[in-house]
């Protein structure tokens, strides 16, 4: 587990409803979170973050002046706020709202109303995101690993890079799509490839097929990160030879344990 604890988390709660604010803050206090600040809208939340950067932002989707999606996008556009953990509590199910959130690296998406147990589990995910345990590998050190991240979203690449770096990985390359990744793979040896599914030029399934059938690194572990829900498409991805598939958002602990298993 992370050396951080819930009792050390500085939380900013973004919620226009006084009732919902009291409920969630009550859960947080019961779980031991010490410093909880409150903002009713996105503008106020961003101003509070500039005064004192929180460890975790918990926000609803629909704010008076913007959506939770727009809030996290503005956070990820600010270098100082790139690494702040973000959690959504909302009854929203619309993909046009949720897909950009998944791409921005949220640590959890909880239903509204959520339970204290659901919030507790998500807080532990936030702790892992902020301070994950280092990778423990038998035949290679994390510092020696060479990893390629393939994703057309800069924010997604940044979040995955951050997770890996906090686990001790130092040698990380990036590609914006499968076509660019193919060129990189032909020039460099990798111990691990982490790729998105939906990308222009060449998607993650096509990239995986190339790696397994045509590249000089046919046995390299390939981890697929996707928000795809179409079962037929996912079945095709599995047949393409990926080593594991993660849904967005995914748990850092799951990522670490999967890498350790594949590189054992």
C-alpha atoms as a PDB file:
ATOM      1  CA  UNK A   1       0.000   0.000   0.000  1.00  0.00           C
ATOM      2  CA  UNK A   2       1.015   3.652  -0.429  1.00  0.00           C
ATOM      3  CA  UNK A   3       2.879   5.235   2.464  1.00  0.00           C
ATOM      4  CA  UNK A   4       0.386   8.082   2.256  1.00  0.00           C
ATOM      5  CA  UNK A   5      -2.808   7.649   4.245  1.00  0.00           C
ATOM      6  CA  UNK A   6      -6.289   9.124   4.084  1.00  0.00           C
ATOM      7  CA  UNK A   7      -5.455  11.152   7.196  1.00  0.00           C
ATOM      8  CA  UNK A   8      -2.847  13.053   5.151  1.00  0.00           C
ATOM      9  CA  UNK A   9      -4.994  13.853   2.123  1.00  0.00           C
ATOM     10  CA  UNK A  10      -5.869  17.476   1.369  1.00  0.00           C
ATOM     11  CA  UNK A  11      -9.197  17.321  -0.455  1.00  0.00           C
ATOM     12  CA  UNK A  12     -11.048  19.948  -2.484  1.00  0.00           C
ATOM     13  CA  UNK A  13     -14.749  19.125  -2.855  1.00  0.00           C
ATOM     14  CA  UNK A  14     -16.502  20.824  -5.795  1.00  0.00           C
ATOM     15  CA  UNK A  15     -20.261  20.558  -5.294  1.00  0.00           C
ATOM     16  CA  UNK A  16     -22.974  23.247  -5.705  1.00  0.00           C
ATOM     17  CA  UNK A  17     -25.468  21.449  -3.463  1.00  0.00           C
ATOM     18  CA  UNK A  18     -25.153  22.165   0.267  1.00  0.00           C
ATOM     19  CA  UNK A  19     -26.876  18.870   1.043  1.00  0.00           C
ATOM     20  CA  UNK A  20     -24.514  16.800  -1.115  1.00  0.00           C
ATOM     21  CA  UNK A  21     -21.578  18.749   0.300  1.00  0.00           C
ATOM     22  CA  UNK A  22     -22.581  17.857   3.858  1.00  0.00           C
ATOM     23  CA  UNK A  23     -23.066  14.173   2.973  1.00  0.00           C
ATOM     24  CA  UNK A  24     -19.722  13.729   1.184  1.00  0.00           C
ATOM     25  CA  UNK A  25     -17.814  15.831   3.689  1.00  0.00           C
ATOM     26  CA  UNK A  26     -19.361  13.723   6.465  1.00  0.00           C
ATOM     27  CA  UNK A  27     -18.074  10.567   4.768  1.00  0.00           C
ATOM     28  CA  UNK A  28     -14.610  12.105   4.346  1.00  0.00           C
ATOM     29  CA  UNK A  29     -14.418  13.197   7.982  1.00  0.00           C
ATOM     30  CA  UNK A  30     -15.553   9.745   9.142  1.00  0.00           C
ATOM     31  CA  UNK A  31     -12.812   8.187   6.996  1.00  0.00           C
ATOM     32  CA  UNK A  32     -10.196  10.474   8.544  1.00  0.00           C
ATOM     33  CA  UNK A  33      -9.545  13.080   5.830  1.00  0.00           C
ATOM     34  CA  UNK A  34      -8.304  16.166   7.730  1.00  0.00           C
ATOM     35  CA  UNK A  35      -8.352  19.185   5.418  1.00  0.00           C
ATOM     36  CA  UNK A  36     -11.489  19.496   3.278  1.00  0.00           C
ATOM     37  CA  UNK A  37     -12.128  22.697   1.327  1.00  0.00           C
ATOM     38  CA  UNK A  38     -15.351  23.383  -0.555  1.00  0.00           C
ATOM     39  CA  UNK A  39     -16.097  25.182  -3.815  1.00  0.00           C
ATOM     40  CA  UNK A  40     -19.550  25.616  -5.331  1.00  0.00           C
ATOM     41  CA  UNK A  41     -18.386  26.056  -8.937  1.00  0.00           C
ATOM     42  CA  UNK A  42     -15.432  25.468 -11.232  1.00  0.00           C
ATOM     43  CA  UNK A  43     -14.072  29.020 -11.181  1.00  0.00           C
ATOM     44  CA  UNK A  44     -13.948  29.062  -7.384  1.00  0.00           C
ATOM     45  CA  UNK A  45     -12.332  25.614  -7.373  1.00  0.00           C
ATOM     46  CA  UNK A  46      -9.561  26.701  -9.757  1.00  0.00           C
ATOM     47  CA  UNK A  47      -8.922  29.832  -7.675  1.00  0.00           C
ATOM     48  CA  UNK A  48      -8.608  27.712  -4.508  1.00  0.00           C
ATOM     49  CA  UNK A  49      -6.210  25.361  -6.308  1.00  0.00           C
ATOM     50  CA  UNK A  50      -3.976  28.285  -7.232  1.00  0.00           C
ATOM     51  CA  UNK A  51      -3.841  29.334  -3.565  1.00  0.00           C
ATOM     52  CA  UNK A  52      -3.029  25.846  -2.300  1.00  0.00           C
ATOM     53  CA  UNK A  53      -2.717  22.775  -4.526  1.00  0.00           C
ATOM     54  CA  UNK A  54      -4.818  19.870  -3.134  1.00  0.00           C
ATOM     55  CA  UNK A  55      -3.902  16.192  -3.290  1.00  0.00           C
ATOM     56  CA  UNK A  56      -7.358  15.241  -4.537  1.00  0.00           C
ATOM     57  CA  UNK A  57     -10.277  17.011  -6.214  1.00  0.00           C
ATOM     58  CA  UNK A  58     -13.703  15.396  -5.828  1.00  0.00           C
ATOM     59  CA  UNK A  59     -16.249  16.955  -8.162  1.00  0.00           C
ATOM     60  CA  UNK A  60     -19.769  16.453  -9.422  1.00  0.00           C
ATOM     61  CA  UNK A  61     -20.368  16.647 -13.178  1.00  0.00           C
ATOM     62  CA  UNK A  62     -22.779  19.566 -13.533  1.00  0.00           C
ATOM     63  CA  UNK A  63     -21.494  22.788 -11.970  1.00  0.00           C
ATOM     64  CA  UNK A  64     -23.101  26.246 -12.345  1.00  0.00           C
ATOM     65  CA  UNK A  65     -20.359  27.547 -14.672  1.00  0.00           C
ATOM     66  CA  UNK A  66     -18.858  24.436 -16.295  1.00  0.00           C
ATOM     67  CA  UNK A  67     -18.905  20.646 -16.275  1.00  0.00           C
ATOM     68  CA  UNK A  68     -16.625  18.400 -14.244  1.00  0.00           C
ATOM     69  CA  UNK A  69     -15.125  17.385 -17.599  1.00  0.00           C
ATOM     70  CA  UNK A  70     -14.211  21.006 -18.369  1.00  0.00           C
ATOM     71  CA  UNK A  71     -12.824  21.428 -14.853  1.00  0.00           C
ATOM     72  CA  UNK A  72     -10.422  18.497 -15.129  1.00  0.00           C
ATOM     73  CA  UNK A  73      -9.425  19.580 -18.652  1.00  0.00           C
ATOM     74  CA  UNK A  74      -8.485  23.030 -17.335  1.00  0.00           C
ATOM     75  CA  UNK A  75      -6.558  21.371 -14.517  1.00  0.00           C
ATOM     76  CA  UNK A  76      -4.617  19.154 -16.936  1.00  0.00           C
ATOM     77  CA  UNK A  77      -3.793  22.218 -19.054  1.00  0.00           C
ATOM     78  CA  UNK A  78      -2.060  23.785 -16.017  1.00  0.00           C
ATOM     79  CA  UNK A  79       1.413  22.354 -15.394  1.00  0.00           C
ATOM     80  CA  UNK A  80       1.018  22.899 -11.622  1.00  0.00           C
ATOM     81  CA  UNK A  81      -2.227  20.895 -11.515  1.00  0.00           C
ATOM     82  CA  UNK A  82      -1.288  18.063 -13.891  1.00  0.00           C
ATOM     83  CA  UNK A  83      -0.555  15.604 -11.089  1.00  0.00           C
ATOM     84  CA  UNK A  84      -3.574  16.340  -8.863  1.00  0.00           C
ATOM     85  CA  UNK A  85      -5.802  13.272  -8.456  1.00  0.00           C
ATOM     86  CA  UNK A  86      -9.375  13.793  -9.722  1.00  0.00           C
ATOM     87  CA  UNK A  87     -12.485  11.847  -8.726  1.00  0.00           C
ATOM     88  CA  UNK A  88     -15.986  12.229 -10.180  1.00  0.00           C
ATOM     89  CA  UNK A  89     -19.190  11.683  -8.174  1.00  0.00           C
ATOM     90  CA  UNK A  90     -22.126  11.887 -10.571  1.00  0.00           C
ATOM     91  CA  UNK A  91     -25.212  10.159 -11.932  1.00  0.00           C
ATOM     92  CA  UNK A  92     -24.189  11.253 -15.449  1.00  0.00           C
ATOM     93  CA  UNK A  93     -23.948   8.436 -18.019  1.00  0.00           C
ATOM     94  CA  UNK A  94     -23.520  10.434 -21.257  1.00  0.00           C
ATOM     95  CA  UNK A  95     -20.428   9.345 -23.162  1.00  0.00           C
ATOM     96  CA  UNK A  96     -19.732  12.899 -24.424  1.00  0.00           C
ATOM     97  CA  UNK A  97     -19.151  13.907 -20.800  1.00  0.00           C
ATOM     98  CA  UNK A  98     -17.467  10.765 -19.516  1.00  0.00           C
ATOM     99  CA  UNK A  99     -15.075   9.882 -22.353  1.00  0.00           C
ATOM    100  CA  UNK A 100     -12.924  13.050 -21.969  1.00  0.00           C
ATOM    101  CA  UNK A 101     -12.814  12.370 -18.222  1.00  0.00           C
ATOM    102  CA  UNK A 102     -11.470   8.872 -18.806  1.00  0.00           C
ATOM    103  CA  UNK A 103      -8.852  10.313 -21.149  1.00  0.00           C
ATOM    104  CA  UNK A 104      -7.813  12.835 -18.479  1.00  0.00           C
ATOM    105  CA  UNK A 105      -6.845  10.095 -16.041  1.00  0.00           C
ATOM    106  CA  UNK A 106      -9.505  10.259 -13.330  1.00  0.00           C
ATOM    107  CA  UNK A 107      -8.790   7.924 -10.416  1.00  0.00           C
ATOM    108  CA  UNK A 108     -12.440   6.941  -9.944  1.00  0.00           C
ATOM    109  CA  UNK A 109     -15.969   7.606 -11.208  1.00  0.00           C
ATOM    110  CA  UNK A 110     -18.573   7.074  -8.494  1.00  0.00           C
ATOM    111  CA  UNK A 111     -22.359   7.079  -8.782  1.00  0.00           C
ATOM    112  CA  UNK A 112     -24.443   9.755  -7.071  1.00  0.00           C
ATOM    113  CA  UNK A 113     -25.424   9.091  -4.397  1.00  0.00           C
ATOM    114  CA  UNK A 114     -22.355   7.079  -3.434  1.00  0.00           C
ATOM    115  CA  UNK A 115     -21.818   5.130  -0.221  1.00  0.00           C
ATOM    116  CA  UNK A 116     -19.078   5.631   2.325  1.00  0.00           C
ATOM    117  CA  UNK A 117     -17.599   2.248   1.370  1.00  0.00           C
ATOM    118  CA  UNK A 118     -17.462   3.237  -2.310  1.00  0.00           C
ATOM    119  CA  UNK A 119     -15.747   6.487  -1.363  1.00  0.00           C
ATOM    120  CA  UNK A 120     -13.260   4.651   0.862  1.00  0.00           C
ATOM    121  CA  UNK A 121     -12.249   2.310  -1.976  1.00  0.00           C
ATOM    122  CA  UNK A 122     -11.798   5.262  -4.318  1.00  0.00           C
ATOM    123  CA  UNK A 123      -9.690   7.144  -1.775  1.00  0.00           C
ATOM    124  CA  UNK A 124      -7.311   4.182  -1.668  1.00  0.00           C
ATOM    125  CA  UNK A 125      -7.128   4.344  -5.479  1.00  0.00           C
ATOM    126  CA  UNK A 126      -6.243   8.027  -5.146  1.00  0.00           C
ATOM    127  CA  UNK A 127      -3.497   7.199  -2.642  1.00  0.00           C
ATOM    128  CA  UNK A 128      -2.053   4.624  -5.051  1.00  0.00           C
ATOM    129  CA  UNK A 129      -2.198   7.204  -7.850  1.00  0.00           C
ATOM    130  CA  UNK A 130      -0.362   9.768  -5.729  1.00  0.00           C
ATOM    131  CA  UNK A 131       2.249   7.424  -4.277  1.00  0.00           C
ATOM    132  CA  UNK A 132       2.303   3.927  -5.791  1.00  0.00           C
ATOM    133  CA  UNK A 133       4.613   1.191  -4.601  1.00  0.00           C
ATOM    134  CA  UNK A 134       7.682   0.603  -6.800  1.00  0.00           C
ATOM    135  CA  UNK A 135       7.741  -2.288  -9.250  1.00  0.00           C
ATOM    136  CA  UNK A 136       9.347  -5.457  -7.889  1.00  0.00           C
ATOM    137  CA  UNK A 137      10.786  -7.475 -10.785  1.00  0.00           C
ATOM    138  CA  UNK A 138      12.998 -10.560 -10.702  1.00  0.00           C
ATOM    139  CA  UNK A 139      15.175 -10.222 -13.792  1.00  0.00           C
ATOM    140  CA  UNK A 140      15.263  -6.473 -14.433  1.00  0.00           C
ATOM    141  CA  UNK A 141      15.099  -3.329 -12.316  1.00  0.00           C
ATOM    142  CA  UNK A 142      12.478  -0.649 -13.060  1.00  0.00           C
ATOM    143  CA  UNK A 143      15.336   1.740 -13.850  1.00  0.00           C
ATOM    144  CA  UNK A 144      16.549  -0.623 -16.603  1.00  0.00           C
ATOM    145  CA  UNK A 145      13.146  -1.072 -18.243  1.00  0.00           C
ATOM    146  CA  UNK A 146      12.468   0.508 -21.613  1.00  0.00           C
ATOM    147  CA  UNK A 147       8.759   1.357 -22.045  1.00  0.00           C
ATOM    148  CA  UNK A 148       6.768   2.760 -24.976  1.00  0.00           C
ATOM    149  CA  UNK A 149       3.471   4.594 -24.386  1.00  0.00           C
ATOM    150  CA  UNK A 150       1.196   4.916 -27.439  1.00  0.00           C
ATOM    151  CA  UNK A 151      -1.803   7.267 -27.195  1.00  0.00           C
ATOM    152  CA  UNK A 152      -3.129  10.132 -29.304  1.00  0.00           C
ATOM    153  CA  UNK A 153      -4.065  12.038 -26.125  1.00  0.00           C
ATOM    154  CA  UNK A 154      -1.211  14.026 -24.573  1.00  0.00           C
ATOM    155  CA  UNK A 155      -3.003  13.994 -21.228  1.00  0.00           C
ATOM    156  CA  UNK A 156      -3.410  10.215 -21.244  1.00  0.00           C
ATOM    157  CA  UNK A 157       0.253   9.744 -22.112  1.00  0.00           C
ATOM    158  CA  UNK A 158       1.202  12.159 -19.337  1.00  0.00           C
ATOM    159  CA  UNK A 159      -0.893  10.302 -16.740  1.00  0.00           C
ATOM    160  CA  UNK A 160       0.470   6.853 -17.678  1.00  0.00           C
ATOM    161  CA  UNK A 161       4.034   8.219 -17.741  1.00  0.00           C
ATOM    162  CA  UNK A 162       3.492   9.682 -14.282  1.00  0.00           C
ATOM    163  CA  UNK A 163       2.258   6.345 -12.928  1.00  0.00           C
ATOM    164  CA  UNK A 164       5.223   4.453 -14.365  1.00  0.00           C
ATOM    165  CA  UNK A 165       7.755   7.026 -13.210  1.00  0.00           C
ATOM    166  CA  UNK A 166       6.413   6.858  -9.666  1.00  0.00           C
ATOM    167  CA  UNK A 167       6.876   3.076  -9.811  1.00  0.00           C
ATOM    168  CA  UNK A 168      10.550   3.593 -10.661  1.00  0.00           C
ATOM    169  CA  UNK A 169      10.547   3.409 -14.487  1.00  0.00           C
ATOM    170  CA  UNK A 170      12.946   5.950 -16.003  1.00  0.00           C
ATOM    171  CA  UNK A 171      13.259   5.094 -19.715  1.00  0.00           C
ATOM    172  CA  UNK A 172       9.935   5.992 -21.324  1.00  0.00           C
ATOM    173  CA  UNK A 173       9.275   6.822 -24.989  1.00  0.00           C
ATOM    174  CA  UNK A 174       6.005   8.110 -26.458  1.00  0.00           C
ATOM    175  CA  UNK A 175       4.139   7.794 -29.754  1.00  0.00           C
ATOM    176  CA  UNK A 176       0.945   9.563 -30.791  1.00  0.00           C
ATOM    177  CA  UNK A 177      -0.533   6.688 -32.810  1.00  0.00           C
ATOM    178  CA  UNK A 178       0.139   3.158 -34.006  1.00  0.00           C
ATOM    179  CA  UNK A 179       1.874   4.253 -37.207  1.00  0.00           C
ATOM    180  CA  UNK A 180       4.361   6.360 -35.251  1.00  0.00           C
ATOM    181  CA  UNK A 181       4.808   3.495 -32.790  1.00  0.00           C
ATOM    182  CA  UNK A 182       5.700   1.063 -35.603  1.00  0.00           C
ATOM    183  CA  UNK A 183       8.533   3.341 -36.698  1.00  0.00           C
ATOM    184  CA  UNK A 184       9.782   3.545 -33.109  1.00  0.00           C
ATOM    185  CA  UNK A 185       9.510  -0.219 -32.500  1.00  0.00           C
ATOM    186  CA  UNK A 186      11.637  -0.906 -35.590  1.00  0.00           C
ATOM    187  CA  UNK A 187      14.425   1.244 -34.146  1.00  0.00           C
ATOM    188  CA  UNK A 188      14.349   0.471 -30.413  1.00  0.00           C
ATOM    189  CA  UNK A 189      13.937  -2.587 -28.164  1.00  0.00           C
ATOM    190  CA  UNK A 190      11.183  -2.375 -25.503  1.00  0.00           C
ATOM    191  CA  UNK A 191      10.439  -4.402 -22.378  1.00  0.00           C
ATOM    192  CA  UNK A 192       6.812  -3.194 -22.314  1.00  0.00           C
ATOM    193  CA  UNK A 193       4.383  -1.380 -24.622  1.00  0.00           C
ATOM    194  CA  UNK A 194       1.295   0.401 -23.237  1.00  0.00           C
ATOM    195  CA  UNK A 195      -1.165   1.451 -25.935  1.00  0.00           C
ATOM    196  CA  UNK A 196      -4.568   3.056 -26.287  1.00  0.00           C
ATOM    197  CA  UNK A 197      -7.183   1.383 -28.498  1.00  0.00           C
ATOM    198  CA  UNK A 198      -8.890   4.221 -30.397  1.00  0.00           C
ATOM    199  CA  UNK A 199      -6.242   6.193 -32.322  1.00  0.00           C
ATOM    200  CA  UNK A 200      -5.942   7.764 -35.802  1.00  0.00           C
ATOM    201  CA  UNK A 201      -3.621   6.399 -38.514  1.00  0.00           C
ATOM    202  CA  UNK A 202      -3.360   2.948 -36.861  1.00  0.00           C
ATOM    203  CA  UNK A 203      -5.386   1.871 -33.811  1.00  0.00           C
ATOM    204  CA  UNK A 204      -4.249  -0.287 -30.904  1.00  0.00           C
ATOM    205  CA  UNK A 205      -5.614  -3.514 -32.384  1.00  0.00           C
ATOM    206  CA  UNK A 206      -3.733  -2.996 -35.654  1.00  0.00           C
ATOM    207  CA  UNK A 207      -0.595  -2.086 -33.735  1.00  0.00           C
ATOM    208  CA  UNK A 208      -0.831  -5.234 -31.639  1.00  0.00           C
ATOM    209  CA  UNK A 209      -1.295  -7.351 -34.772  1.00  0.00           C
ATOM    210  CA  UNK A 210       1.787  -5.764 -36.333  1.00  0.00           C
ATOM    211  CA  UNK A 211       3.865  -6.428 -33.213  1.00  0.00           C
ATOM    212  CA  UNK A 212       2.836 -10.089 -33.024  1.00  0.00           C
ATOM    213  CA  UNK A 213       3.118 -10.900 -36.745  1.00  0.00           C
ATOM    214  CA  UNK A 214       5.616  -8.533 -38.374  1.00  0.00           C
ATOM    215  CA  UNK A 215       7.885  -6.865 -35.824  1.00  0.00           C
ATOM    216  CA  UNK A 216      11.222  -8.057 -34.486  1.00  0.00           C
ATOM    217  CA  UNK A 217       9.758  -7.937 -30.949  1.00  0.00           C
ATOM    218  CA  UNK A 218       6.894 -10.385 -31.248  1.00  0.00           C
ATOM    219  CA  UNK A 219       7.014 -11.475 -27.591  1.00  0.00           C
ATOM    220  CA  UNK A 220       7.036  -8.018 -25.965  1.00  0.00           C
ATOM    221  CA  UNK A 221       4.171  -7.582 -23.443  1.00  0.00           C
ATOM    222  CA  UNK A 222       1.478  -5.254 -24.818  1.00  0.00           C
ATOM    223  CA  UNK A 223      -0.993  -3.648 -22.410  1.00  0.00           C
ATOM    224  CA  UNK A 224      -4.127  -2.150 -23.941  1.00  0.00           C
ATOM    225  CA  UNK A 225      -5.827   0.772 -22.180  1.00  0.00           C
ATOM    226  CA  UNK A 226      -9.307   1.536 -23.484  1.00  0.00           C
ATOM    227  CA  UNK A 227     -12.742   2.917 -22.689  1.00  0.00           C
ATOM    228  CA  UNK A 228     -14.249   0.782 -25.479  1.00  0.00           C
ATOM    229  CA  UNK A 229     -17.417  -1.068 -24.390  1.00  0.00           C
ATOM    230  CA  UNK A 230     -18.362  -2.818 -27.657  1.00  0.00           C
ATOM    231  CA  UNK A 231     -17.901  -6.519 -26.872  1.00  0.00           C
ATOM    232  CA  UNK A 232     -17.333  -7.487 -30.524  1.00  0.00           C
ATOM    233  CA  UNK A 233     -14.530  -4.950 -30.849  1.00  0.00           C
ATOM    234  CA  UNK A 234     -12.977  -6.032 -27.570  1.00  0.00           C
ATOM    235  CA  UNK A 235     -13.054  -9.647 -28.718  1.00  0.00           C
ATOM    236  CA  UNK A 236     -11.070  -8.602 -31.771  1.00  0.00           C
ATOM    237  CA  UNK A 237      -8.569  -6.799 -29.561  1.00  0.00           C
ATOM    238  CA  UNK A 238      -8.078  -9.912 -27.438  1.00  0.00           C
ATOM    239  CA  UNK A 239      -7.414 -12.009 -30.560  1.00  0.00           C
ATOM    240  CA  UNK A 240      -4.827  -9.492 -31.765  1.00  0.00           C
ATOM    241  CA  UNK A 241      -2.415 -10.717 -29.116  1.00  0.00           C
ATOM    242  CA  UNK A 242      -2.520  -8.110 -26.357  1.00  0.00           C
ATOM    243  CA  UNK A 243      -1.206  -9.323 -23.011  1.00  0.00           C
ATOM    244  CA  UNK A 244      -3.836  -7.510 -20.906  1.00  0.00           C
ATOM    245  CA  UNK A 245      -6.680  -5.007 -21.332  1.00  0.00           C
ATOM    246  CA  UNK A 246      -7.441  -2.201 -18.860  1.00  0.00           C
ATOM    247  CA  UNK A 247     -10.590  -0.108 -18.709  1.00  0.00           C
ATOM    248  CA  UNK A 248     -10.315   3.651 -18.210  1.00  0.00           C
ATOM    249  CA  UNK A 249     -10.089   4.685 -15.448  1.00  0.00           C
ATOM    250  CA  UNK A 250      -7.893   1.854 -14.153  1.00  0.00           C
ATOM    251  CA  UNK A 251      -6.341   1.126 -10.795  1.00  0.00           C
ATOM    252  CA  UNK A 252      -2.602   1.806 -10.401  1.00  0.00           C
ATOM    253  CA  UNK A 253      -2.227  -1.252  -8.197  1.00  0.00           C
ATOM    254  CA  UNK A 254      -3.721  -3.393 -10.979  1.00  0.00           C
ATOM    255  CA  UNK A 255      -1.271  -1.904 -13.474  1.00  0.00           C
ATOM    256  CA  UNK A 256       1.706  -2.636 -11.205  1.00  0.00           C
ATOM    257  CA  UNK A 257       0.671  -6.226 -10.408  1.00  0.00           C
ATOM    258  CA  UNK A 258      -0.011  -6.960 -14.090  1.00  0.00           C
ATOM    259  CA  UNK A 259       3.406  -5.647 -15.166  1.00  0.00           C
ATOM    260  CA  UNK A 260       5.056  -7.713 -12.423  1.00  0.00           C
ATOM    261  CA  UNK A 261       3.184 -10.822 -13.595  1.00  0.00           C
ATOM    262  CA  UNK A 262       4.029 -10.356 -17.255  1.00  0.00           C
ATOM    263  CA  UNK A 263       7.710  -9.616 -16.630  1.00  0.00           C
ATOM    264  CA  UNK A 264       8.212 -12.303 -13.983  1.00  0.00           C
END
